[in-house]
Amino acid sequence: MDWWDPSHPTLGTSPFLEQYTSKTTASMGNEIGHLFRLQVLYLNNNSFEGKIPTNLTNCSELEELNLIDNKLEGKIPKELGFLSKLTALGLGSNNLTGKIPASLGNLSSLTLLSASYNHLEGSIPEELGRTSLDIIHLMFNKLTGVIPSSLYNLSNMSAIKLIENQLEGSLSQDIGVAFPYLTNLGLVNNRFTGPVPISLSNASMLEGIFLL
């Protein structure tokens, strides 16, 4: 568990930075885009409203962006795909709508994507297979389509949580081989069909499987 998991009781705790968790009610404002040297931005567990500022892309040194548990709305800006140093993106527990932008696939260093508990729709972009994701949390949205085949190339994946969407198709029969470090797999309440892959027995690090 960590800051990217909205269900964790110590949401926002980090040894690296004192979080801005004063339940502030305001918009994020465009001024934040003037912080050109910013590397870590944690605004989680507040009541920020409005849209995510597109000029965050001016913060070209940004490595971690945590906006979990606010009241943000609108679409995920495609401009976030220009934050080339981003390794962790937390957008869960907001009111975000629209599709996951394919431009996030440009974030080759991205290891963590958390956007659960929103109103996202459309398919999971195939382009995410170009990242370095090892954790992807997209639970409780309205996502459709299949799990992109490109995700199976991310061999360092440790947690996949896609619970409560409208995803369909069958799971790759090689999923247990593709993800040897997988510890958590959550796919409950979707529209998947086909057999449970036998190869999951090869994923020796699995601690939790939620399929039904």
Protein backbone atom coordinates (compact mmCIF):
# COMPACT_ATOMS: atom_id res chain seq x y z
CA MET A 1 0.00 0.00 0.00
CA ASP A 2 1.11 3.58 -0.60
CA TRP A 3 -0.18 7.01 -1.52
CA TRP A 4 -1.51 5.78 -4.85
CA ASP A 5 -4.06 3.49 -3.23
CA PRO A 6 -7.23 5.48 -2.34
CA SER A 7 -8.40 2.73 0.02
CA HIS A 8 -5.35 2.98 2.24
CA PRO A 9 -6.07 4.56 5.65
CA THR A 10 -2.77 6.51 5.69
CA LEU A 11 -3.30 8.02 2.27
CA GLY A 12 -0.71 10.64 1.56
CA THR A 13 2.00 9.47 3.94
CA SER A 14 5.51 9.69 2.52
CA PRO A 15 8.96 9.84 4.09
CA PHE A 16 10.09 12.26 1.43
CA LEU A 17 7.70 15.17 1.60
CA GLU A 18 5.18 16.63 4.02
CA GLN A 19 1.86 16.39 2.24
CA TYR A 20 -0.46 19.30 1.59
CA THR A 21 -3.49 17.71 3.25
CA SER A 22 -5.35 20.58 4.87
CA LYS A 23 -8.60 19.91 3.01
CA THR A 24 -8.15 23.07 0.99
CA THR A 25 -11.12 24.02 -1.21
CA ALA A 26 -9.97 25.92 -4.29
CA SER A 27 -8.88 25.40 -7.86
CA MET A 28 -5.30 24.38 -8.45
CA GLY A 29 -4.64 27.55 -10.44
CA ASN A 30 -2.32 28.12 -13.38
CA GLU A 31 0.34 29.65 -11.15
CA ILE A 32 1.57 26.18 -10.29
CA GLY A 33 2.95 25.95 -13.81
CA HIS A 34 5.53 28.60 -12.88
CA LEU A 35 7.37 26.19 -10.57
CA PHE A 36 9.88 25.14 -13.20
CA ARG A 37 12.17 23.23 -10.82
CA LEU A 38 9.42 21.25 -9.10
CA GLN A 39 10.18 17.54 -8.86
CA VAL A 40 7.46 16.27 -6.49
CA LEU A 41 3.92 17.62 -6.17
CA TYR A 42 1.57 16.10 -3.60
CA LEU A 43 -1.83 17.79 -3.35
CA ASN A 44 -3.72 14.66 -2.34
CA ASN A 45 -6.49 14.43 0.25
CA ASN A 46 -7.83 17.95 -0.25
CA SER A 47 -10.88 19.42 -1.91
CA PHE A 48 -9.32 21.01 -4.98
CA GLU A 49 -11.94 21.67 -7.64
CA GLY A 50 -11.95 22.46 -11.33
CA LYS A 51 -9.70 21.05 -14.01
CA ILE A 52 -6.11 19.87 -13.90
CA PRO A 53 -4.04 22.79 -15.25
CA THR A 54 -2.53 22.01 -18.63
CA ASN A 55 0.45 24.25 -17.91
CA LEU A 56 1.72 21.67 -15.43
CA THR A 57 3.78 20.64 -18.43
CA ASN A 58 5.96 23.67 -17.69
CA CYS A 59 7.16 21.74 -14.64
CA SER A 60 9.45 19.69 -16.85
CA GLU A 61 11.42 18.27 -13.89
CA LEU A 62 8.31 16.75 -12.28
CA GLU A 63 8.77 13.13 -11.27
CA GLU A 64 5.80 12.46 -8.97
CA LEU A 65 2.32 13.98 -9.25
CA ASN A 66 -0.24 13.00 -6.63
CA LEU A 67 -3.72 14.53 -6.95
CA ILE A 68 -5.62 11.64 -5.37
CA ASP A 69 -8.78 12.33 -3.34
CA ASN A 70 -9.87 15.76 -4.49
CA LYS A 71 -12.85 17.08 -6.46
CA LEU A 72 -11.12 17.59 -9.79
CA GLU A 73 -13.23 17.25 -12.91
CA GLY A 74 -12.92 17.33 -16.66
CA LYS A 75 -10.57 15.25 -18.76
CA ILE A 76 -7.06 14.07 -17.99
CA PRO A 77 -4.99 16.59 -19.98
CA LYS A 78 -3.17 15.00 -22.88
CA GLU A 79 -0.42 17.51 -22.15
CA LEU A 80 0.67 15.40 -19.16
CA GLY A 81 2.32 13.20 -21.74
CA PHE A 82 5.02 15.87 -22.11
CA LEU A 83 6.25 15.38 -18.52
CA SER A 84 9.07 13.14 -19.71
CA LYS A 85 10.54 12.54 -16.22
CA LEU A 86 7.26 11.50 -14.58
CA THR A 87 7.48 8.18 -12.76
CA ALA A 88 4.27 8.23 -10.69
CA LEU A 89 0.86 9.69 -11.56
CA GLY A 90 -1.96 9.57 -9.00
CA LEU A 91 -5.39 10.80 -10.10
CA GLY A 92 -7.70 8.48 -8.18
CA SER A 93 -10.83 9.48 -6.25
CA ASN A 94 -11.80 12.53 -8.28
CA ASN A 95 -14.57 13.27 -10.78
CA LEU A 96 -12.50 12.94 -13.94
CA THR A 97 -14.26 12.02 -17.17
CA GLY A 98 -13.37 11.18 -20.74
CA LYS A 99 -10.68 8.83 -21.99
CA ILE A 100 -7.24 8.00 -20.70
CA PRO A 101 -5.07 9.99 -23.11
CA ALA A 102 -2.86 7.92 -25.40
CA SER A 103 -0.15 10.55 -24.86
CA LEU A 104 0.60 8.98 -21.45
CA GLY A 105 2.36 6.33 -23.49
CA ASN A 106 5.11 8.90 -24.09
CA LEU A 107 6.07 8.67 -20.40
CA SER A 108 8.75 6.03 -20.78
CA SER A 109 9.77 6.29 -17.10
CA LEU A 110 6.22 5.97 -15.71
CA THR A 111 6.06 3.07 -13.27
CA LEU A 112 2.81 3.86 -11.48
CA LEU A 113 -0.60 4.95 -12.80
CA SER A 114 -3.47 5.27 -10.35
CA ALA A 115 -6.78 6.65 -11.64
CA SER A 116 -9.35 4.55 -9.78
CA TYR A 117 -12.70 5.89 -8.58
CA ASN A 118 -13.39 8.32 -11.42
CA HIS A 119 -15.76 8.28 -14.40
CA LEU A 120 -13.26 7.42 -17.11
CA GLU A 121 -14.53 5.71 -20.23
CA GLY A 122 -13.24 4.31 -23.49
CA SER A 123 -10.49 1.77 -23.83
CA ILE A 124 -7.17 1.41 -22.04
CA PRO A 125 -4.65 2.88 -24.50
CA GLU A 126 -2.38 0.43 -26.27
CA GLU A 127 0.32 3.09 -25.96
CA LEU A 128 0.68 2.42 -22.21
CA GLY A 129 2.76 -0.57 -23.23
CA ARG A 130 5.56 1.86 -24.07
CA THR A 131 5.87 2.96 -20.42
CA SER A 132 7.65 1.19 -17.56
CA LEU A 133 4.48 0.51 -15.58
CA ASP A 134 4.67 -1.97 -12.74
CA ILE A 135 1.49 -0.78 -10.98
CA ILE A 136 -1.75 0.13 -12.75
CA HIS A 137 -4.92 0.91 -10.78
CA LEU A 138 -7.99 1.80 -12.84
CA MET A 139 -10.73 0.42 -10.62
CA PHE A 140 -14.31 1.71 -10.50
CA ASN A 141 -14.51 3.51 -13.83
CA LYS A 142 -16.44 2.87 -17.03
CA LEU A 143 -13.64 1.52 -19.16
CA THR A 144 -14.52 -0.72 -22.10
CA GLY A 145 -12.72 -2.88 -24.62
CA VAL A 146 -10.01 -5.43 -23.93
CA ILE A 147 -6.78 -5.39 -21.95
CA PRO A 148 -4.24 -4.08 -24.48
CA SER A 149 -1.85 -6.76 -25.71
CA SER A 150 1.03 -4.30 -25.23
CA LEU A 151 0.58 -4.41 -21.44
CA TYR A 152 1.71 -8.02 -21.44
CA ASN A 153 5.15 -6.79 -22.48
CA LEU A 154 5.60 -4.98 -19.15
CA SER A 155 7.38 -7.81 -17.38
CA ASN A 156 7.94 -5.87 -14.15
CA MET A 157 4.22 -5.50 -13.49
CA SER A 158 3.41 -6.22 -9.85
CA ALA A 159 -0.18 -4.99 -9.44
CA ILE A 160 -3.08 -4.81 -11.90
CA LYS A 161 -6.39 -3.62 -10.48
CA LEU A 162 -9.16 -3.11 -13.03
CA ILE A 163 -12.10 -4.01 -10.78
CA GLU A 164 -15.60 -2.69 -11.61
CA ASN A 165 -15.36 -1.62 -15.24
CA GLN A 166 -16.90 -2.92 -18.46
CA LEU A 167 -13.84 -4.63 -19.88
CA GLU A 168 -14.33 -7.72 -21.99
CA GLY A 169 -12.54 -10.41 -23.95
CA SER A 170 -10.36 -13.15 -22.54
CA LEU A 171 -7.16 -13.01 -20.53
CA SER A 172 -3.91 -13.98 -22.18
CA GLN A 173 -3.19 -17.61 -21.44
CA ASP A 174 0.42 -16.58 -20.84
CA ILE A 175 -0.37 -13.93 -18.20
CA GLY A 176 1.45 -15.81 -15.45
CA VAL A 177 4.57 -16.02 -17.61
CA ALA A 178 4.33 -12.43 -18.84
CA PHE A 179 4.12 -11.06 -15.27
CA PRO A 180 6.51 -13.11 -13.10
CA TYR A 181 6.52 -10.44 -10.35
CA LEU A 182 2.74 -10.07 -10.14
CA THR A 183 1.47 -9.89 -6.55
CA ASN A 184 -2.10 -8.62 -7.04
CA LEU A 185 -4.55 -9.16 -9.88
CA GLY A 186 -8.02 -7.63 -9.54
CA LEU A 187 -10.53 -8.02 -12.38
CA VAL A 188 -13.83 -8.46 -10.51
CA ASN A 189 -17.08 -7.14 -12.03
CA ASN A 190 -16.12 -6.86 -15.68
CA ARG A 191 -17.27 -8.84 -18.72
CA PHE A 192 -14.34 -11.15 -19.25
CA THR A 193 -14.95 -14.53 -20.81
CA GLY A 194 -12.95 -17.69 -21.29
CA PRO A 195 -11.01 -19.90 -18.89
CA VAL A 196 -8.83 -18.77 -16.02
CA PRO A 197 -5.28 -18.97 -17.41
CA ILE A 198 -3.43 -22.00 -16.08
CA SER A 199 -0.19 -20.01 -16.34
CA LEU A 200 -1.20 -18.03 -13.22
CA SER A 201 0.20 -20.98 -11.29
CA ASN A 202 3.64 -19.82 -12.50
CA ALA A 203 3.24 -16.41 -10.88
CA SER A 204 4.79 -17.53 -7.62
CA MET A 205 4.66 -14.07 -6.02
CA LEU A 206 0.87 -13.75 -6.28
CA GLU A 207 -0.77 -12.78 -3.00
CA GLY A 208 -4.28 -11.93 -4.21
CA ILE A 209 -6.39 -12.89 -7.23
CA PHE A 210 -9.84 -11.37 -7.62
CA LEU A 211 -11.54 -12.61 -10.76
CA LEU A 212 -15.19 -13.34 -9.88
